[in-house]
Every structure is written in C-alpha cells, then in structure tokens.
Amino acid sequence: MSEHYPRIRAYTKHGYLLMREGLSINFFMRCPHVDVAQAVMGSLDAYLRAVGPGSIGQYTDDQGEQRALDDSSWEFIRHQLLKRDIAFIKLHDALSCQYRYRFEYCGHSIDDLCPEEGLGAGCAVSFWLPTEYLEEHGPGRVRELALELAAPLPFCSGHAGLSFNGENEPLSMRGEERKLCFRYPGLDVPNPGRLSWRLGTRVRGAYWLTFLGQPVLGELGGTAGLRSRLLSPSTTVQELEGARAVVTLGKWPEAGDTEQGLNLPAYRELARVLEPWLYHEELGLDFEVEETRRWERRFLD
C-alpha cells in the first residue's frame, strides 16, 4: 500500500477482477470530431510511445466484442478516427480484465453539438495507467505525460489523477466496494462516454491535475486570476499555450481517506474556486440522486 493511495482489488464471486485503483487522464473538447481527429491521433501516438507496444493489445469492435489488435485492425481504428464524422474507440490491455491500460475516445458530429440535440455534447478522450507505472516512473513523469497528451488538444477542461478503473462504473457497485467511492475522495470515477454527451464547457471537479481552457479560465481572470485565488503551498498553476492552464495539487496524486480525517484541503480549496462552473449529473450515475450529489460535492460539504 502506498502512503498516497490504497491498493484496491475488487473481484466477482467467480474470481474475475472487477475494479482496481489506477490513474486516468481525461480531456473534454466542445467541438466536433472532424476538428479534433488529428489532434487526438497525435495524443494517442504519444500515449502508445509512453506505455510501450505490448501494453495495448485489444479493441472493442462495432458489435461490442473485444478483438485482438493486429495490423488490419490498427488500420481500421486509424480510418475510424481520421476519416469519419464520428468516432467511438476503445482500446484495452493485451490481456482481458487487467484494467491497467486503456484508450477511450468519444467523438461526436457537429449535429450532436447543436442546441436542439443537447448543449453538453462534445468530444472526450481518456487514457489509463496502472499505479505500477506511477511507482516505477514517478509522479513527475506521469505529469509530463499528461501535459504531452494535452498539448495538441483544444480542450475546454481536463483532469488527471487517481481513479477506480474497471469495465463497469464503480458507482454501480454495492456494499463495501461502493463505500470506497466516498471513503477515498481523491479517486475519480472515469466515464468519458456519458460525459461526452453532457459536460459541455463545464468542469468535472478538482483533481491532482486540473486542466482549464476557455471559457472557464477566462471567466476566472486568466492564469493570474486563478493563481491569486489558490493559497495552498502545495498548489501550482502553470500557464499553457492557447489561453489554457493546469493546476497541480502537490507532487503526488492523493486518495485522501475520510475515515482517517484526510480530507485533502488543497483539493477542497480548488473545488470551492471552481464551484460556479462545476458539472452536476442530471441522472443518478447508478447512485440515488442524493448520493450522486453527495459524491459530486465531496470536496465542498
């Protein structure tokens, strides 16, 4: 167990891994797929270079089945990403049910962005890493990778840090496993598919790395205005090209632990600053609505 986060492994009654602790890096873009396809391809190439050629070995086909990646399937994936008006791509570990590495992209057409279709639609991309990668390479390398993935993307917002990684949403769990979502507030629940339809230009919350673009950063007074509101000594604000910024909450990503009184004050400070722009889930994320609100406000209440 790390001093920064717990080791979490949840299994089905048949012994299959259901969920584990990991990291996720996520970006949200309020523009149609055709405008960001090349940028997303660039970020995917950077991710594959970082994790190595043997880390990703399967993809989800159009029928929802997992298939082995080979030269022809890579050609199909690149065609889907670069040549279509929409793209929904999910790449997995070389072995099933490992939940270590994943690339997931949801790219919508310009019609999906029209107000009559839904104001919150956009494009979302997510990259997973195992905590073993963090331990081997260190948090500095993970932060560098997140910045490299972010560089070509015209994001409105993004975030990176610890997360519950599994095939199904951890928020659909029951019993002791479900309580982990509330015990460890620094662990995110990745859901790029749902958020690609709803997040729009809003912000998901406060994370180890919180990326801010327009319009939120401008409404905060730019990088200088944002920096002036954050007083925690462990917090840094770095200006990025294209009127964007990244907030870093300490050297390491932290899980916190409400049972031990570790409530992550730097995360709470950032959440309060971002509160007017925070996204609120319209549905229950498989929690009851009041539980969803409680999880969304875990750094505010």
Protein backbone atom coordinates (compact mmCIF):
# COMPACT_ATOMS: atom_id res chain seq x y z
CA MET A 1 0.00 0.00 0.00
CA SER A 2 1.32 3.45 -0.93
CA GLU A 3 1.24 6.29 1.57
CA HIS A 4 -0.61 8.29 -1.10
CA TYR A 5 -3.35 5.81 -2.03
CA PRO A 6 -4.67 2.36 -1.08
CA ARG A 7 -4.30 -0.86 -3.01
CA ILE A 8 -7.79 -1.77 -4.23
CA ARG A 9 -8.72 -5.01 -5.95
CA ALA A 10 -12.39 -5.96 -6.17
CA TYR A 11 -13.32 -9.37 -7.60
CA THR A 12 -16.50 -11.10 -8.67
CA LYS A 13 -17.59 -14.22 -6.81
CA HIS A 14 -16.00 -16.23 -9.62
CA GLY A 15 -12.62 -14.59 -9.08
CA TYR A 16 -12.58 -12.16 -12.01
CA LEU A 17 -11.16 -8.72 -11.40
CA LEU A 18 -13.97 -6.16 -11.28
CA MET A 19 -12.13 -2.97 -10.42
CA ARG A 20 -8.76 -1.71 -9.22
CA GLU A 21 -7.06 1.54 -8.31
CA GLY A 22 -5.29 3.23 -11.19
CA LEU A 23 -4.87 6.58 -12.89
CA SER A 24 -6.84 8.26 -15.63
CA ILE A 25 -6.09 11.29 -17.78
CA ASN A 26 -9.16 12.89 -19.37
CA PHE A 27 -9.86 15.80 -21.73
CA PHE A 28 -13.11 17.33 -22.94
CA MET A 29 -13.48 19.39 -26.11
CA ARG A 30 -16.54 21.38 -27.14
CA CYS A 31 -16.05 20.93 -30.86
CA PRO A 32 -16.97 18.32 -33.49
CA HIS A 33 -14.91 15.22 -34.08
CA VAL A 34 -13.66 16.28 -37.52
CA ASP A 35 -11.98 19.32 -35.97
CA VAL A 36 -10.04 17.34 -33.36
CA ALA A 37 -9.35 13.98 -35.06
CA GLN A 38 -5.73 14.74 -35.98
CA ALA A 39 -5.01 16.11 -32.52
CA VAL A 40 -6.50 13.04 -30.84
CA MET A 41 -4.43 10.82 -33.11
CA GLY A 42 -1.33 12.71 -32.02
CA SER A 43 -2.18 12.22 -28.36
CA LEU A 44 -2.86 8.51 -28.90
CA ASP A 45 0.53 8.08 -30.60
CA ALA A 46 2.21 9.82 -27.65
CA TYR A 47 0.38 7.55 -25.20
CA LEU A 48 1.39 4.39 -27.08
CA ARG A 49 5.03 5.51 -27.12
CA ALA A 50 4.90 6.07 -23.35
CA VAL A 51 3.28 2.78 -22.35
CA GLY A 52 5.09 0.58 -24.86
CA PRO A 53 3.86 -1.55 -27.76
CA GLY A 54 2.88 -4.55 -25.62
CA SER A 55 0.58 -2.70 -23.21
CA ILE A 56 -2.39 -2.31 -25.57
CA GLY A 57 -3.46 -5.46 -27.38
CA GLN A 58 -7.25 -5.49 -27.82
CA TYR A 59 -10.03 -3.23 -29.08
CA THR A 60 -13.81 -3.17 -28.95
CA ASP A 61 -15.35 -3.73 -32.38
CA ASP A 62 -18.60 -2.27 -33.75
CA GLN A 63 -20.59 -5.13 -32.19
CA GLY A 64 -19.14 -4.51 -28.73
CA GLU A 65 -16.86 -7.56 -28.80
CA GLN A 66 -13.22 -7.41 -27.76
CA ARG A 67 -10.82 -8.38 -30.53
CA ALA A 68 -7.06 -8.80 -30.75
CA LEU A 69 -5.24 -5.88 -32.32
CA ASP A 70 -3.27 -6.66 -35.48
CA ASP A 71 -2.13 -4.62 -38.45
CA SER A 72 -5.53 -4.71 -40.15
CA SER A 73 -7.41 -3.69 -37.01
CA TRP A 74 -4.99 -0.82 -36.41
CA GLU A 75 -5.72 0.31 -39.96
CA PHE A 76 -9.45 0.13 -39.19
CA ILE A 77 -9.03 2.16 -35.99
CA ARG A 78 -7.00 4.87 -37.69
CA HIS A 79 -9.54 5.05 -40.50
CA GLN A 80 -12.38 5.33 -37.99
CA LEU A 81 -10.59 8.10 -36.14
CA LEU A 82 -9.36 10.13 -39.10
CA LYS A 83 -11.91 9.54 -41.86
CA ARG A 84 -15.32 9.55 -40.18
CA ASP A 85 -17.62 12.30 -38.94
CA ILE A 86 -17.99 10.46 -35.62
CA ALA A 87 -15.75 8.00 -33.80
CA PHE A 88 -16.13 5.79 -30.75
CA ILE A 89 -12.95 3.88 -30.00
CA LYS A 90 -11.90 1.76 -27.04
CA LEU A 91 -8.50 0.07 -26.80
CA HIS A 92 -7.64 -2.33 -23.97
CA ASP A 93 -4.83 -4.23 -22.28
CA ALA A 94 -3.17 -7.07 -24.13
CA LEU A 95 -4.85 -9.44 -21.63
CA SER A 96 -8.54 -9.24 -20.73
CA CYS A 97 -9.77 -7.92 -17.38
CA GLN A 98 -6.49 -6.29 -16.33
CA TYR A 99 -7.71 -2.66 -16.29
CA ARG A 100 -4.18 -1.30 -16.46
CA TYR A 101 -4.10 0.49 -19.80
CA ARG A 102 -6.96 1.87 -21.84
CA PHE A 103 -7.62 4.48 -24.51
CA GLU A 104 -11.21 5.59 -24.93
CA TYR A 105 -12.45 8.26 -27.30
CA CYS A 106 -15.96 9.52 -27.98
CA GLY A 107 -16.12 11.91 -30.92
CA HIS A 108 -19.43 13.47 -31.89
CA SER A 109 -20.56 15.09 -35.14
CA ILE A 110 -21.34 18.76 -35.49
CA ASP A 111 -25.06 17.91 -35.44
CA ASP A 112 -24.67 16.49 -31.93
CA LEU A 113 -23.39 19.86 -30.75
CA CYS A 114 -26.50 21.73 -31.89
CA PRO A 115 -28.67 23.06 -29.04
CA GLU A 116 -31.66 21.00 -30.10
CA GLU A 117 -29.55 17.86 -29.78
CA GLY A 118 -28.01 18.70 -26.42
CA LEU A 119 -25.97 21.63 -25.18
CA GLY A 120 -23.50 19.43 -23.34
CA ALA A 121 -22.21 17.31 -26.23
CA GLY A 122 -18.59 17.38 -27.30
CA CYS A 123 -15.59 15.08 -27.69
CA ALA A 124 -13.97 13.24 -24.79
CA VAL A 125 -10.77 11.24 -24.58
CA SER A 126 -9.44 9.17 -21.69
CA PHE A 127 -6.11 7.41 -21.06
CA TRP A 128 -5.49 4.90 -18.26
CA LEU A 129 -2.32 3.99 -16.43
CA PRO A 130 -1.77 1.48 -13.63
CA THR A 131 -0.39 2.73 -10.33
CA GLU A 132 2.60 0.48 -11.02
CA TYR A 133 3.53 2.90 -13.82
CA LEU A 134 3.39 5.76 -11.33
CA GLU A 135 5.56 3.87 -8.86
CA GLU A 136 8.12 2.87 -11.49
CA HIS A 137 8.42 6.20 -13.29
CA GLY A 138 7.42 8.65 -10.56
CA PRO A 139 4.75 11.37 -10.44
CA GLY A 140 6.91 13.80 -12.40
CA ARG A 141 6.89 11.52 -15.44
CA VAL A 142 3.13 10.99 -15.19
CA ARG A 143 2.62 14.76 -15.08
CA GLU A 144 4.92 15.20 -18.10
CA LEU A 145 2.91 12.59 -20.00
CA ALA A 146 -0.38 14.30 -19.13
CA LEU A 147 1.00 17.60 -20.45
CA GLU A 148 2.23 15.87 -23.61
CA LEU A 149 -1.20 14.33 -24.19
CA ALA A 150 -2.88 17.69 -23.55
CA ALA A 151 -0.63 19.76 -25.81
CA PRO A 152 -2.37 19.20 -29.20
CA LEU A 153 -5.92 19.06 -27.81
CA PRO A 154 -8.22 22.13 -27.87
CA PHE A 155 -9.70 21.20 -24.51
CA CYS A 156 -12.19 23.20 -22.51
CA SER A 157 -11.30 21.20 -19.42
CA GLY A 158 -9.46 18.09 -18.35
CA HIS A 159 -8.16 16.28 -15.33
CA ALA A 160 -5.72 13.59 -14.28
CA GLY A 161 -5.23 11.62 -11.11
CA LEU A 162 -6.19 8.50 -9.23
CA SER A 163 -9.31 6.64 -10.28
CA PHE A 164 -11.34 3.46 -9.91
CA ASN A 165 -10.61 1.58 -13.13
CA GLY A 166 -12.79 -1.32 -14.26
CA GLU A 167 -15.10 -2.50 -17.00
CA ASN A 168 -18.22 -1.17 -15.31
CA GLU A 169 -18.70 2.04 -13.40
CA PRO A 170 -17.58 1.66 -9.79
CA LEU A 171 -20.63 3.67 -8.82
CA SER A 172 -22.74 0.67 -9.82
CA MET A 173 -21.10 -1.40 -7.10
CA ARG A 174 -22.85 -2.31 -3.89
CA GLY A 175 -21.88 -2.91 -0.29
CA GLU A 176 -18.35 -2.39 0.95
CA GLU A 177 -16.93 -1.76 -2.52
CA ARG A 178 -19.38 1.05 -3.16
CA LYS A 179 -18.37 2.77 0.08
CA LEU A 180 -14.86 3.18 -1.29
CA CYS A 181 -16.10 5.93 -3.61
CA PHE A 182 -16.94 8.04 -0.55
CA ARG A 183 -14.03 6.94 1.63
CA TYR A 184 -11.36 7.94 -0.91
CA PRO A 185 -12.47 11.28 -2.42
CA GLY A 186 -9.30 11.65 -4.49
CA LEU A 187 -10.21 8.67 -6.68
CA ASP A 188 -12.26 9.60 -9.73
CA VAL A 189 -14.94 7.59 -11.48
CA PRO A 190 -13.97 7.75 -15.19
CA ASN A 191 -16.92 7.97 -17.55
CA PRO A 192 -15.91 9.66 -20.83
CA GLY A 193 -18.83 8.16 -22.75
CA ARG A 194 -21.51 9.72 -20.57
CA LEU A 195 -19.63 12.99 -20.12
CA SER A 196 -19.06 13.40 -23.86
CA TRP A 197 -22.81 13.97 -24.17
CA ARG A 198 -23.29 16.22 -21.16
CA LEU A 199 -20.25 18.05 -19.81
CA GLY A 200 -20.02 20.80 -22.42
CA THR A 201 -17.77 23.63 -21.21
CA ARG A 202 -18.29 22.89 -17.54
CA VAL A 203 -15.69 21.38 -15.20
CA ARG A 204 -15.87 17.93 -13.62
CA GLY A 205 -14.20 18.83 -10.33
CA ALA A 206 -10.87 19.22 -8.51
CA TYR A 207 -8.12 16.71 -9.27
CA TRP A 208 -4.38 16.23 -8.85
CA LEU A 209 -4.01 17.83 -12.29
CA THR A 210 -6.90 20.06 -13.33
CA PHE A 211 -6.70 21.45 -16.86
CA LEU A 212 -8.68 24.59 -17.65
CA GLY A 213 -9.32 26.20 -21.02
CA GLN A 214 -11.96 28.55 -22.31
CA PRO A 215 -14.41 29.83 -21.31
CA VAL A 216 -13.86 28.94 -17.63
CA LEU A 217 -10.26 30.13 -17.38
CA GLY A 218 -11.19 33.47 -18.92
CA GLU A 219 -14.09 33.90 -16.50
CA LEU A 220 -11.66 33.25 -13.64
CA GLY A 221 -9.48 36.13 -14.81
CA GLY A 222 -6.96 34.01 -16.69
CA THR A 223 -3.98 32.26 -15.19
CA ALA A 224 -3.13 35.22 -12.94
CA GLY A 225 -6.68 35.44 -11.62
CA LEU A 226 -6.79 31.73 -10.94
CA ARG A 227 -3.41 31.75 -9.21
CA SER A 228 -4.46 34.59 -6.92
CA ARG A 229 -7.36 32.50 -5.55
CA LEU A 230 -5.30 29.43 -4.64
CA LEU A 231 -3.30 29.79 -1.44
CA SER A 232 -2.31 26.22 -0.58
CA PRO A 233 1.50 25.96 -0.51
CA SER A 234 1.37 22.63 -2.38
CA THR A 235 -0.63 24.08 -5.30
CA THR A 236 0.97 25.37 -8.50
CA VAL A 237 -0.64 27.00 -11.54
CA GLN A 238 1.14 26.71 -14.87
CA GLU A 239 0.15 28.68 -17.93
CA LEU A 240 -0.13 26.67 -21.15
CA GLU A 241 -0.24 27.76 -24.78
CA GLY A 242 -3.61 28.73 -26.19
CA ALA A 243 -5.02 30.56 -23.15
CA ARG A 244 -5.03 27.40 -21.04
CA ALA A 245 -3.61 26.36 -17.68
CA VAL A 246 -3.00 23.35 -15.47
CA VAL A 247 -3.36 23.35 -11.68
CA THR A 248 -1.21 20.80 -9.84
CA LEU A 249 -2.18 19.84 -6.29
CA GLY A 250 1.05 18.58 -4.81
CA LYS A 251 3.85 16.34 -6.03
CA TRP A 252 1.82 13.10 -5.82
CA PRO A 253 -1.82 12.31 -6.56
CA GLU A 254 -3.57 11.65 -3.26
CA ALA A 255 -6.58 9.47 -2.47
CA GLY A 256 -7.42 11.01 0.90
CA ASP A 257 -9.27 8.93 3.48
CA THR A 258 -12.37 10.24 5.22
CA GLU A 259 -12.07 7.56 7.89
CA GLN A 260 -8.62 8.89 8.81
CA GLY A 261 -9.56 12.57 8.56
CA LEU A 262 -7.53 13.06 5.37
CA ASN A 263 -9.88 15.40 3.53
CA LEU A 264 -7.39 16.87 1.02
CA PRO A 265 -7.56 20.61 1.83
CA ALA A 266 -5.84 21.70 -1.41
CA TYR A 267 -8.47 19.80 -3.42
CA ARG A 268 -11.21 21.41 -1.36
CA GLU A 269 -9.78 24.87 -1.97
CA LEU A 270 -9.74 24.34 -5.74
CA ALA A 271 -13.24 22.86 -5.71
CA ARG A 272 -14.56 25.99 -3.98
CA VAL A 273 -12.94 28.21 -6.61
CA LEU A 274 -14.44 26.11 -9.44
CA GLU A 275 -17.87 25.63 -7.84
CA PRO A 276 -19.78 28.07 -10.12
CA TRP A 277 -18.64 26.08 -13.16
CA LEU A 278 -18.95 22.53 -11.80
CA TYR A 279 -20.93 19.95 -13.72
CA HIS A 280 -23.90 18.34 -11.98
CA GLU A 281 -25.07 14.96 -13.21
CA GLU A 282 -28.72 15.02 -14.26
CA LEU A 283 -29.16 11.33 -13.56
CA GLY A 284 -28.06 9.18 -10.68
CA LEU A 285 -24.85 7.51 -12.02
CA ASP A 286 -26.37 4.32 -10.58
CA PHE A 287 -26.46 6.00 -7.18
CA GLU A 288 -29.63 7.51 -5.88
CA VAL A 289 -29.79 11.16 -6.88
CA GLU A 290 -28.92 12.36 -3.38
CA GLU A 291 -25.88 10.05 -3.31
CA THR A 292 -24.74 11.42 -6.65
CA ARG A 293 -24.96 14.95 -5.29
CA ARG A 294 -23.02 13.88 -2.22
CA TRP A 295 -20.25 12.39 -4.38
CA GLU A 296 -20.11 15.46 -6.64
CA ARG A 297 -19.81 17.69 -3.57
CA ARG A 298 -17.30 15.53 -1.72
CA PHE A 299 -14.83 18.45 -1.62
CA LEU A 300 -17.44 21.11 -0.87
CA ASP A 301 -19.54 19.88 2.05
